[in-house]
């Protein structure tokens, strides 16, 4: 039985209108994505072992989806696509080389990746907004632990290991979402 994804399909049409070369591809079909998975597992001392199966990645205008994509609901796909559209817009604004540099270098590739944190903060604000819009502010608030762990843990290479700062940022983003979508 085929699942229906009307919200996702409508949003993909919008994304393709904004980014005509945008496409979705499976991570497992890419030697590069499999290599990134291995490299991340090594540099995070085994902390990031789910890149291939759980993480969605925009690289060079392609959304590389993990195995988990096939099990996601229409609403969850839509929320994820809202996050990834921010990365596509960042790519357009910065260009591939500058975005890669900002994502990987300042200040350090691991443990204090300010550039990566700034890029991801912008996208996670959209995740919080989209979640509040579709599922409600309480559901958006429930993302706190997950998102804080992403910033402070091995998922993104301990990109901003300061939970107080990440929690304060989350509070601000949630307050904005509550003001926009609170009922």
N, C-alpha and C. Protein backbone atom coordinates (compact mmCIF):
# COMPACT_ATOMS: atom_id res chain seq x y z
N UNK A 1 0.84 -1.18 0.00
CA UNK A 1 0.00 0.00 0.00
C UNK A 1 0.89 1.25 0.00
N UNK A 2 0.64 2.14 -0.90
CA UNK A 2 1.42 3.36 -1.03
C UNK A 2 0.91 4.43 -0.07
N UNK A 3 1.84 5.10 0.60
CA UNK A 3 1.47 6.18 1.52
C UNK A 3 1.30 7.47 0.73
N UNK A 4 0.46 8.34 1.25
CA UNK A 4 0.21 9.63 0.63
C UNK A 4 0.95 10.72 1.42
N UNK A 5 1.57 11.63 0.72
CA UNK A 5 2.32 12.71 1.33
C UNK A 5 1.92 14.05 0.70
N UNK A 6 0.67 14.47 0.85
CA UNK A 6 0.22 15.69 0.15
C UNK A 6 0.95 16.96 0.59
N UNK A 7 1.19 17.13 1.88
CA UNK A 7 1.89 18.33 2.36
C UNK A 7 3.33 18.33 1.84
N UNK A 8 3.96 17.17 1.91
CA UNK A 8 5.34 17.05 1.43
C UNK A 8 5.42 17.34 -0.06
N UNK A 9 4.55 16.76 -0.83
CA UNK A 9 4.58 16.95 -2.29
C UNK A 9 4.36 18.41 -2.66
N UNK A 10 3.41 19.06 -1.99
CA UNK A 10 3.16 20.48 -2.27
C UNK A 10 4.39 21.32 -1.93
N UNK A 11 5.03 21.01 -0.80
CA UNK A 11 6.20 21.77 -0.40
C UNK A 11 7.38 21.48 -1.33
N UNK A 12 7.52 20.24 -1.77
CA UNK A 12 8.59 19.92 -2.72
C UNK A 12 8.40 20.70 -4.02
N UNK A 13 7.17 20.89 -4.44
CA UNK A 13 6.91 21.72 -5.63
C UNK A 13 7.42 23.14 -5.41
N UNK A 14 7.16 23.70 -4.21
CA UNK A 14 7.67 25.04 -3.88
C UNK A 14 9.20 25.07 -3.89
N UNK A 15 9.80 24.04 -3.30
CA UNK A 15 11.27 24.00 -3.24
C UNK A 15 11.86 23.90 -4.64
N UNK A 16 11.26 23.10 -5.48
CA UNK A 16 11.79 22.95 -6.85
C UNK A 16 11.60 24.22 -7.66
N UNK A 17 10.54 24.98 -7.36
CA UNK A 17 10.36 26.27 -8.03
C UNK A 17 11.46 27.25 -7.60
N UNK A 18 11.82 27.21 -6.32
CA UNK A 18 12.85 28.09 -5.80
C UNK A 18 14.26 27.60 -6.16
N UNK A 19 14.43 26.29 -6.20
CA UNK A 19 15.74 25.66 -6.49
C UNK A 19 15.53 24.62 -7.59
N UNK A 20 15.54 25.02 -8.86
CA UNK A 20 15.17 24.10 -9.95
C UNK A 20 16.01 22.83 -10.03
N UNK A 21 17.25 22.88 -9.60
CA UNK A 21 18.09 21.68 -9.69
C UNK A 21 17.98 20.78 -8.45
N UNK A 22 17.18 21.19 -7.47
CA UNK A 22 17.02 20.42 -6.23
C UNK A 22 16.48 19.02 -6.53
N UNK A 23 17.05 18.06 -5.82
CA UNK A 23 16.55 16.70 -5.91
C UNK A 23 16.80 15.98 -4.60
N UNK A 24 16.14 14.84 -4.45
CA UNK A 24 16.31 13.99 -3.26
C UNK A 24 16.95 12.69 -3.72
N UNK A 25 17.95 12.24 -2.98
CA UNK A 25 18.63 10.99 -3.29
C UNK A 25 18.86 10.21 -1.99
N UNK A 26 18.94 8.91 -2.12
CA UNK A 26 19.19 8.03 -0.97
C UNK A 26 20.68 8.03 -0.63
N UNK A 27 20.98 8.19 0.64
CA UNK A 27 22.38 8.18 1.08
C UNK A 27 23.08 6.87 0.73
N UNK A 28 22.37 5.77 0.91
CA UNK A 28 23.01 4.46 0.69
C UNK A 28 23.48 4.27 -0.75
N UNK A 29 22.95 5.06 -1.69
CA UNK A 29 23.35 4.91 -3.09
C UNK A 29 24.63 5.68 -3.41
N UNK A 30 25.14 6.44 -2.45
CA UNK A 30 26.27 7.32 -2.70
C UNK A 30 27.53 6.83 -1.98
N UNK A 31 28.56 6.62 -2.73
CA UNK A 31 29.85 6.26 -2.14
C UNK A 31 30.37 7.39 -1.25
N UNK A 32 30.16 8.65 -1.69
CA UNK A 32 30.58 9.79 -0.88
C UNK A 32 29.85 9.81 0.46
N UNK A 33 28.54 9.61 0.47
CA UNK A 33 27.79 9.62 1.73
C UNK A 33 28.21 8.47 2.64
N UNK A 34 28.47 7.31 2.07
CA UNK A 34 28.94 6.18 2.89
C UNK A 34 30.32 6.48 3.47
N UNK A 35 31.15 7.17 2.69
CA UNK A 35 32.49 7.55 3.18
C UNK A 35 32.39 8.59 4.29
N UNK A 36 31.48 9.56 4.13
CA UNK A 36 31.27 10.56 5.18
C UNK A 36 30.82 9.87 6.46
N UNK A 37 29.93 8.89 6.33
CA UNK A 37 29.44 8.14 7.49
C UNK A 37 30.61 7.51 8.26
N UNK A 38 31.50 6.88 7.54
CA UNK A 38 32.65 6.23 8.17
C UNK A 38 33.57 7.28 8.81
N UNK A 39 33.84 8.36 8.08
CA UNK A 39 34.71 9.41 8.61
C UNK A 39 34.13 10.03 9.88
N UNK A 40 32.83 10.29 9.88
CA UNK A 40 32.21 10.88 11.07
C UNK A 40 32.26 9.93 12.26
N UNK A 41 32.05 8.67 12.01
CA UNK A 41 32.14 7.69 13.11
C UNK A 41 33.55 7.69 13.69
N UNK A 42 34.55 7.80 12.83
CA UNK A 42 35.93 7.81 13.31
C UNK A 42 36.28 9.08 14.07
N UNK A 43 35.98 10.26 13.50
CA UNK A 43 36.39 11.51 14.14
C UNK A 43 35.59 11.83 15.40
N UNK A 44 34.41 11.22 15.55
CA UNK A 44 33.62 11.43 16.78
C UNK A 44 33.79 10.27 17.74
N UNK A 45 34.80 9.44 17.49
CA UNK A 45 35.11 8.31 18.38
C UNK A 45 33.89 7.40 18.56
N UNK A 46 33.14 7.22 17.47
CA UNK A 46 31.96 6.37 17.50
C UNK A 46 30.70 7.07 17.97
N UNK A 47 30.80 8.35 18.30
CA UNK A 47 29.64 9.09 18.79
C UNK A 47 28.58 9.35 17.72
N UNK A 48 29.02 9.49 16.47
CA UNK A 48 28.08 9.71 15.37
C UNK A 48 28.10 8.45 14.48
N UNK A 49 27.21 7.53 14.81
CA UNK A 49 27.14 6.27 14.06
C UNK A 49 25.86 6.15 13.24
N UNK A 50 25.03 7.19 13.26
CA UNK A 50 23.73 7.08 12.58
C UNK A 50 23.59 8.06 11.41
N UNK A 51 24.69 8.61 10.93
CA UNK A 51 24.65 9.55 9.81
C UNK A 51 23.93 8.93 8.61
N UNK A 52 24.24 7.71 8.30
CA UNK A 52 23.67 7.05 7.12
C UNK A 52 22.22 6.63 7.31
N UNK A 53 21.82 6.38 8.54
CA UNK A 53 20.48 5.84 8.78
C UNK A 53 19.48 6.84 9.37
N UNK A 54 19.95 7.94 9.98
CA UNK A 54 19.04 8.87 10.65
C UNK A 54 19.16 10.33 10.22
N UNK A 55 20.28 10.74 9.64
CA UNK A 55 20.53 12.15 9.34
C UNK A 55 20.25 12.49 7.89
N UNK A 56 19.59 13.60 7.69
CA UNK A 56 19.32 14.15 6.36
C UNK A 56 20.38 15.21 6.11
N UNK A 57 20.89 15.28 4.89
CA UNK A 57 22.01 16.15 4.60
C UNK A 57 21.81 16.83 3.26
N UNK A 58 21.92 18.16 3.24
CA UNK A 58 21.93 18.89 1.98
C UNK A 58 23.39 19.10 1.61
N UNK A 59 23.74 18.63 0.44
CA UNK A 59 25.10 18.79 -0.05
C UNK A 59 25.02 19.06 -1.55
N UNK A 60 25.54 20.22 -1.96
CA UNK A 60 25.54 20.63 -3.36
C UNK A 60 24.14 20.62 -3.98
N UNK A 61 23.15 21.06 -3.21
CA UNK A 61 21.80 21.19 -3.71
C UNK A 61 20.99 19.91 -3.75
N UNK A 62 21.54 18.84 -3.22
CA UNK A 62 20.83 17.56 -3.16
C UNK A 62 20.51 17.27 -1.70
N UNK A 63 19.28 16.85 -1.44
CA UNK A 63 18.92 16.38 -0.11
C UNK A 63 19.17 14.89 -0.08
N UNK A 64 20.18 14.50 0.67
CA UNK A 64 20.53 13.09 0.82
C UNK A 64 19.75 12.56 2.02
N UNK A 65 18.87 11.59 1.76
CA UNK A 65 18.00 11.08 2.80
C UNK A 65 18.47 9.71 3.29
N UNK A 66 18.33 9.48 4.60
CA UNK A 66 18.71 8.20 5.19
C UNK A 66 17.57 7.20 5.06
N UNK A 67 17.80 6.01 5.57
CA UNK A 67 16.78 4.97 5.60
C UNK A 67 15.52 5.45 6.31
N UNK A 68 15.67 6.29 7.32
CA UNK A 68 14.54 6.76 8.13
C UNK A 68 13.52 7.56 7.30
N UNK A 69 13.92 8.13 6.18
CA UNK A 69 13.02 8.91 5.33
C UNK A 69 11.77 8.12 4.96
N UNK A 70 11.94 6.86 4.67
CA UNK A 70 10.82 6.01 4.23
C UNK A 70 9.79 5.79 5.32
N UNK A 71 10.16 5.97 6.56
CA UNK A 71 9.25 5.73 7.69
C UNK A 71 8.64 7.02 8.25
N UNK A 72 9.01 8.16 7.71
CA UNK A 72 8.53 9.43 8.25
C UNK A 72 7.11 9.74 7.80
N UNK A 73 6.37 10.41 8.67
CA UNK A 73 5.02 10.85 8.33
C UNK A 73 5.10 12.05 7.39
N UNK A 74 3.98 12.39 6.80
CA UNK A 74 3.90 13.55 5.92
C UNK A 74 4.29 14.82 6.68
N UNK A 75 3.75 15.00 7.88
CA UNK A 75 4.07 16.19 8.67
C UNK A 75 5.56 16.25 9.02
N UNK A 76 6.14 15.12 9.41
CA UNK A 76 7.56 15.10 9.77
C UNK A 76 8.45 15.38 8.56
N UNK A 77 8.08 14.87 7.41
CA UNK A 77 8.84 15.18 6.20
C UNK A 77 8.77 16.67 5.89
N UNK A 78 7.57 17.23 6.00
CA UNK A 78 7.38 18.64 5.73
C UNK A 78 8.23 19.50 6.67
N UNK A 79 8.21 19.19 7.95
CA UNK A 79 9.00 19.94 8.93
C UNK A 79 10.48 19.82 8.59
N UNK A 80 10.94 18.64 8.26
CA UNK A 80 12.34 18.44 7.89
C UNK A 80 12.69 19.25 6.64
N UNK A 81 11.81 19.23 5.66
CA UNK A 81 12.08 19.98 4.43
C UNK A 81 12.16 21.48 4.68
N UNK A 82 11.39 21.97 5.63
CA UNK A 82 11.49 23.39 5.98
C UNK A 82 12.88 23.70 6.52
N UNK A 83 13.42 22.82 7.35
CA UNK A 83 14.79 22.96 7.88
C UNK A 83 15.79 22.94 6.73
N UNK A 84 15.66 21.96 5.86
CA UNK A 84 16.64 21.81 4.77
C UNK A 84 16.56 22.94 3.76
N UNK A 85 15.38 23.53 3.57
CA UNK A 85 15.28 24.68 2.66
C UNK A 85 16.14 25.83 3.17
N UNK A 86 16.24 25.98 4.50
CA UNK A 86 17.11 27.02 5.05
C UNK A 86 18.55 26.78 4.60
N UNK A 87 18.99 25.52 4.65
CA UNK A 87 20.36 25.22 4.20
C UNK A 87 20.53 25.51 2.70
N UNK A 88 19.52 25.23 1.92
CA UNK A 88 19.60 25.56 0.49
C UNK A 88 19.71 27.07 0.29
N UNK A 89 18.98 27.83 1.06
CA UNK A 89 19.07 29.29 0.96
C UNK A 89 20.42 29.79 1.44
N UNK A 90 20.97 29.17 2.48
CA UNK A 90 22.31 29.54 2.94
C UNK A 90 23.33 29.26 1.84
N UNK A 91 23.18 28.13 1.19
CA UNK A 91 24.08 27.77 0.09
C UNK A 91 24.01 28.80 -1.03
N UNK A 92 22.80 29.22 -1.37
CA UNK A 92 22.63 30.23 -2.42
C UNK A 92 23.28 31.55 -1.99
N UNK A 93 23.10 31.91 -0.74
CA UNK A 93 23.63 33.17 -0.21
C UNK A 93 25.16 33.15 -0.14
N UNK A 94 25.74 32.03 0.31
CA UNK A 94 27.18 31.96 0.54
C UNK A 94 27.98 31.34 -0.59
N UNK A 95 27.36 30.42 -1.31
CA UNK A 95 28.09 29.62 -2.29
C UNK A 95 28.64 28.37 -1.62
N UNK A 96 28.93 27.36 -2.42
CA UNK A 96 29.36 26.07 -1.88
C UNK A 96 30.68 26.15 -1.11
N UNK A 97 31.66 26.85 -1.67
CA UNK A 97 32.98 26.89 -1.03
C UNK A 97 32.92 27.64 0.30
N UNK A 98 32.31 28.81 0.30
CA UNK A 98 32.22 29.59 1.54
C UNK A 98 31.39 28.86 2.59
N UNK A 99 30.28 28.24 2.16
CA UNK A 99 29.45 27.54 3.14
C UNK A 99 30.21 26.35 3.73
N UNK A 100 30.93 25.62 2.89
CA UNK A 100 31.72 24.50 3.40
C UNK A 100 32.78 24.99 4.38
N UNK A 101 33.43 26.09 4.05
CA UNK A 101 34.43 26.64 4.96
C UNK A 101 33.80 27.03 6.30
N UNK A 102 32.71 27.79 6.25
CA UNK A 102 32.04 28.23 7.48
C UNK A 102 31.56 27.02 8.29
N UNK A 103 31.04 26.02 7.61
CA UNK A 103 30.51 24.84 8.29
C UNK A 103 31.61 24.02 8.97
N UNK A 104 32.76 23.95 8.33
CA UNK A 104 33.81 23.05 8.81
C UNK A 104 34.93 23.69 9.62
N UNK A 105 35.18 24.99 9.46
CA UNK A 105 36.40 25.54 10.03
C UNK A 105 36.21 26.41 11.27
N UNK A 106 35.53 27.56 11.22
CA UNK A 106 35.56 28.43 12.40
C UNK A 106 34.84 27.84 13.59
N UNK A 107 35.37 27.83 14.65
CA UNK A 107 36.73 27.99 15.14
C UNK A 107 37.51 26.69 14.99
N UNK A 108 36.84 25.58 15.21
CA UNK A 108 37.48 24.26 15.09
C UNK A 108 36.48 23.32 14.41
N UNK A 109 36.98 22.33 13.69
CA UNK A 109 36.05 21.37 13.09
C UNK A 109 35.26 20.57 14.12
N UNK A 110 35.86 20.34 15.28
CA UNK A 110 35.19 19.62 16.37
C UNK A 110 35.30 20.43 17.66
N UNK A 111 34.32 20.24 18.52
CA UNK A 111 34.31 20.77 19.88
C UNK A 111 34.02 22.26 20.01
N UNK A 112 34.16 23.03 18.98
CA UNK A 112 33.86 24.45 19.06
C UNK A 112 33.69 24.99 17.64
N UNK A 113 32.70 24.49 16.95
CA UNK A 113 32.47 24.82 15.54
C UNK A 113 31.44 25.94 15.45
N UNK A 114 31.89 27.16 15.70
CA UNK A 114 30.99 28.31 15.73
C UNK A 114 30.26 28.49 14.39
N UNK A 115 30.97 28.34 13.28
CA UNK A 115 30.34 28.50 11.97
C UNK A 115 29.22 27.49 11.76
N UNK A 116 29.49 26.25 12.08
CA UNK A 116 28.47 25.20 11.95
C UNK A 116 27.28 25.50 12.86
N UNK A 117 27.57 25.91 14.09
CA UNK A 117 26.50 26.22 15.03
C UNK A 117 25.62 27.34 14.49
N UNK A 118 26.21 28.38 13.92
CA UNK A 118 25.42 29.49 13.37
C UNK A 118 24.54 29.01 12.21
N UNK A 119 25.10 28.19 11.34
CA UNK A 119 24.34 27.66 10.22
C UNK A 119 23.18 26.80 10.73
N UNK A 120 23.46 25.94 11.68
CA UNK A 120 22.41 25.06 12.21
C UNK A 120 21.40 25.81 13.07
N UNK A 121 21.81 26.83 13.81
CA UNK A 121 20.84 27.62 14.58
C UNK A 121 19.77 28.18 13.66
N UNK A 122 20.19 28.74 12.54
CA UNK A 122 19.23 29.31 11.60
C UNK A 122 18.24 28.25 11.10
N UNK A 123 18.75 27.07 10.78
CA UNK A 123 17.87 26.00 10.29
C UNK A 123 16.99 25.42 11.39
N UNK A 124 17.53 25.28 12.60
CA UNK A 124 16.72 24.74 13.70
C UNK A 124 15.65 25.72 14.17
N UNK A 125 15.86 27.00 13.97
CA UNK A 125 14.78 27.95 14.24
C UNK A 125 13.59 27.61 13.35
N UNK A 126 13.87 27.28 12.11
CA UNK A 126 12.79 26.90 11.19
C UNK A 126 12.15 25.58 11.61
N UNK A 127 12.94 24.65 12.13
CA UNK A 127 12.37 23.40 12.64
C UNK A 127 11.40 23.69 13.78
N UNK A 128 11.80 24.57 14.68
CA UNK A 128 10.94 24.93 15.81
C UNK A 128 9.67 25.63 15.31
N UNK A 129 9.83 26.57 14.38
CA UNK A 129 8.68 27.28 13.82
C UNK A 129 7.72 26.32 13.12
N UNK A 130 8.26 25.46 12.26
CA UNK A 130 7.42 24.53 11.51
C UNK A 130 6.71 23.56 12.43
N UNK A 131 7.40 23.10 13.46
CA UNK A 131 6.78 22.19 14.42
C UNK A 131 5.65 22.89 15.16
N UNK A 132 5.88 24.12 15.60
CA UNK A 132 4.84 24.88 16.29
C UNK A 132 3.65 25.11 15.39
N UNK A 133 3.90 25.41 14.14
CA UNK A 133 2.82 25.66 13.18
C UNK A 133 1.99 24.40 12.92
N UNK A 134 2.64 23.26 12.72
CA UNK A 134 1.96 22.04 12.31
C UNK A 134 1.46 21.22 13.50
N UNK A 135 2.28 21.12 14.54
CA UNK A 135 1.95 20.22 15.65
C UNK A 135 1.63 20.94 16.96
N UNK A 136 1.87 22.25 16.99
CA UNK A 136 1.58 23.02 18.19
C UNK A 136 2.85 23.40 18.95
N UNK A 137 2.71 24.44 19.76
CA UNK A 137 3.85 24.98 20.51
C UNK A 137 4.37 23.97 21.53
N UNK A 138 3.47 23.20 22.14
CA UNK A 138 3.92 22.21 23.13
C UNK A 138 4.83 21.17 22.48
N UNK A 139 4.48 20.76 21.28
CA UNK A 139 5.33 19.79 20.56
C UNK A 139 6.68 20.43 20.21
N UNK A 140 6.65 21.69 19.80
CA UNK A 140 7.91 22.40 19.51
C UNK A 140 8.76 22.49 20.77
N UNK A 141 8.13 22.77 21.91
CA UNK A 141 8.86 22.85 23.18
C UNK A 141 9.50 21.51 23.54
N UNK A 142 8.85 20.43 23.15
CA UNK A 142 9.38 19.10 23.48
C UNK A 142 10.65 18.76 22.69
N UNK A 143 11.00 19.57 21.72
CA UNK A 143 12.23 19.35 20.93
C UNK A 143 13.49 19.78 21.67
N UNK A 144 13.34 20.49 22.77
CA UNK A 144 14.48 21.08 23.47
C UNK A 144 15.61 20.07 23.73
N UNK A 145 15.31 19.00 24.41
CA UNK A 145 16.35 18.04 24.80
C UNK A 145 17.07 17.49 23.57
N UNK A 146 16.31 17.16 22.56
CA UNK A 146 16.87 16.61 21.32
C UNK A 146 17.80 17.62 20.64
N UNK A 147 17.33 18.85 20.50
CA UNK A 147 18.13 19.87 19.80
C UNK A 147 19.35 20.26 20.62
N UNK A 148 19.21 20.43 21.92
CA UNK A 148 20.36 20.77 22.76
C UNK A 148 21.41 19.66 22.65
N UNK A 149 20.96 18.41 22.66
CA UNK A 149 21.91 17.29 22.53
C UNK A 149 22.62 17.31 21.19
N UNK A 150 21.92 17.73 20.15
CA UNK A 150 22.55 17.82 18.83
C UNK A 150 23.70 18.82 18.84
N UNK A 151 23.48 19.96 19.46
CA UNK A 151 24.51 21.00 19.49
C UNK A 151 25.66 20.65 20.41
N UNK A 152 25.37 20.03 21.53
CA UNK A 152 26.39 19.83 22.57
C UNK A 152 27.02 18.44 22.54
N UNK A 153 26.50 17.55 21.71
CA UNK A 153 26.99 16.18 21.67
C UNK A 153 27.69 15.81 20.37
N UNK A 154 27.93 14.54 20.18
CA UNK A 154 28.72 14.07 19.04
C UNK A 154 28.00 14.11 17.69
N UNK A 155 26.67 14.29 17.68
CA UNK A 155 25.94 14.26 16.41
C UNK A 155 26.54 15.21 15.37
N UNK A 156 26.86 16.42 15.80
CA UNK A 156 27.48 17.42 14.92
C UNK A 156 28.90 17.74 15.39
N UNK A 157 29.53 16.79 16.06
CA UNK A 157 30.92 16.97 16.49
C UNK A 157 31.07 17.98 17.62
N UNK A 158 30.12 17.97 18.57
CA UNK A 158 30.16 18.87 19.73
C UNK A 158 30.32 20.32 19.25
N UNK A 159 29.50 20.70 18.29
CA UNK A 159 29.71 21.98 17.62
C UNK A 159 29.59 23.19 18.54
N UNK A 160 28.76 23.13 19.55
CA UNK A 160 28.66 24.24 20.50
C UNK A 160 28.38 23.65 21.87
N UNK A 161 29.42 23.22 22.56
CA UNK A 161 29.26 22.43 23.80
C UNK A 161 28.94 23.25 25.04
N UNK A 162 28.02 24.20 24.89
CA UNK A 162 27.64 25.08 25.99
C UNK A 162 26.12 25.00 26.17
N UNK A 163 25.65 24.05 26.99
CA UNK A 163 24.20 23.85 27.11
C UNK A 163 23.43 25.09 27.54
N UNK A 164 24.00 25.91 28.40
CA UNK A 164 23.28 27.12 28.84
C UNK A 164 23.02 28.06 27.66
N UNK A 165 24.01 28.23 26.81
CA UNK A 165 23.85 29.10 25.64
C UNK A 165 22.83 28.52 24.68
N UNK A 166 22.91 27.22 24.43
CA UNK A 166 21.97 26.58 23.51
C UNK A 166 20.55 26.63 24.08
N UNK A 167 20.40 26.42 25.37
CA UNK A 167 19.08 26.51 26.00
C UNK A 167 18.52 27.93 25.92
N UNK A 168 19.35 28.92 26.10
CA UNK A 168 18.90 30.32 25.99
C UNK A 168 18.45 30.62 24.56
N UNK A 169 19.25 30.16 23.58
CA UNK A 169 18.86 30.32 22.17
C UNK A 169 17.52 29.62 21.91
N UNK A 170 17.37 28.39 22.44
CA UNK A 170 16.12 27.65 22.25
C UNK A 170 14.95 28.42 22.86
N UNK A 171 15.14 28.98 24.05
CA UNK A 171 14.08 29.76 24.70
C UNK A 171 13.63 30.92 23.81
N UNK A 172 14.60 31.61 23.21
CA UNK A 172 14.27 32.74 22.34
C UNK A 172 13.52 32.27 21.09
N UNK A 173 13.99 31.19 20.48
CA UNK A 173 13.34 30.67 19.28
C UNK A 173 11.92 30.19 19.60
N UNK A 174 11.76 29.53 20.73
CA UNK A 174 10.44 29.04 21.13
C UNK A 174 9.50 30.21 21.45
N UNK A 175 10.00 31.25 22.10
CA UNK A 175 9.17 32.42 22.39
C UNK A 175 8.68 33.07 21.10
N UNK A 176 9.56 33.15 20.10
CA UNK A 176 9.15 33.70 18.80
C UNK A 176 8.08 32.82 18.15
N UNK A 177 8.27 31.49 18.21
CA UNK A 177 7.28 30.57 17.64
C UNK A 177 5.95 30.66 18.39
N UNK A 178 6.04 30.78 19.70
CA UNK A 178 4.82 30.90 20.52
C UNK A 178 4.07 32.18 20.15
N UNK A 179 4.80 33.26 19.94
CA UNK A 179 4.17 34.54 19.56
C UNK A 179 3.51 34.43 18.19
N UNK A 180 4.14 33.67 17.30
CA UNK A 180 3.60 33.54 15.94
C UNK A 180 2.49 32.51 15.84
N UNK A 181 2.63 31.38 16.54
CA UNK A 181 1.70 30.25 16.35
C UNK A 181 0.94 29.84 17.59
N UNK A 182 1.22 30.47 18.74
CA UNK A 182 0.53 30.10 19.97
C UNK A 182 -0.97 30.33 19.83
N UNK A 183 -1.72 29.44 20.48
CA UNK A 183 -3.16 29.55 20.36
C UNK A 183 -3.74 29.88 21.71
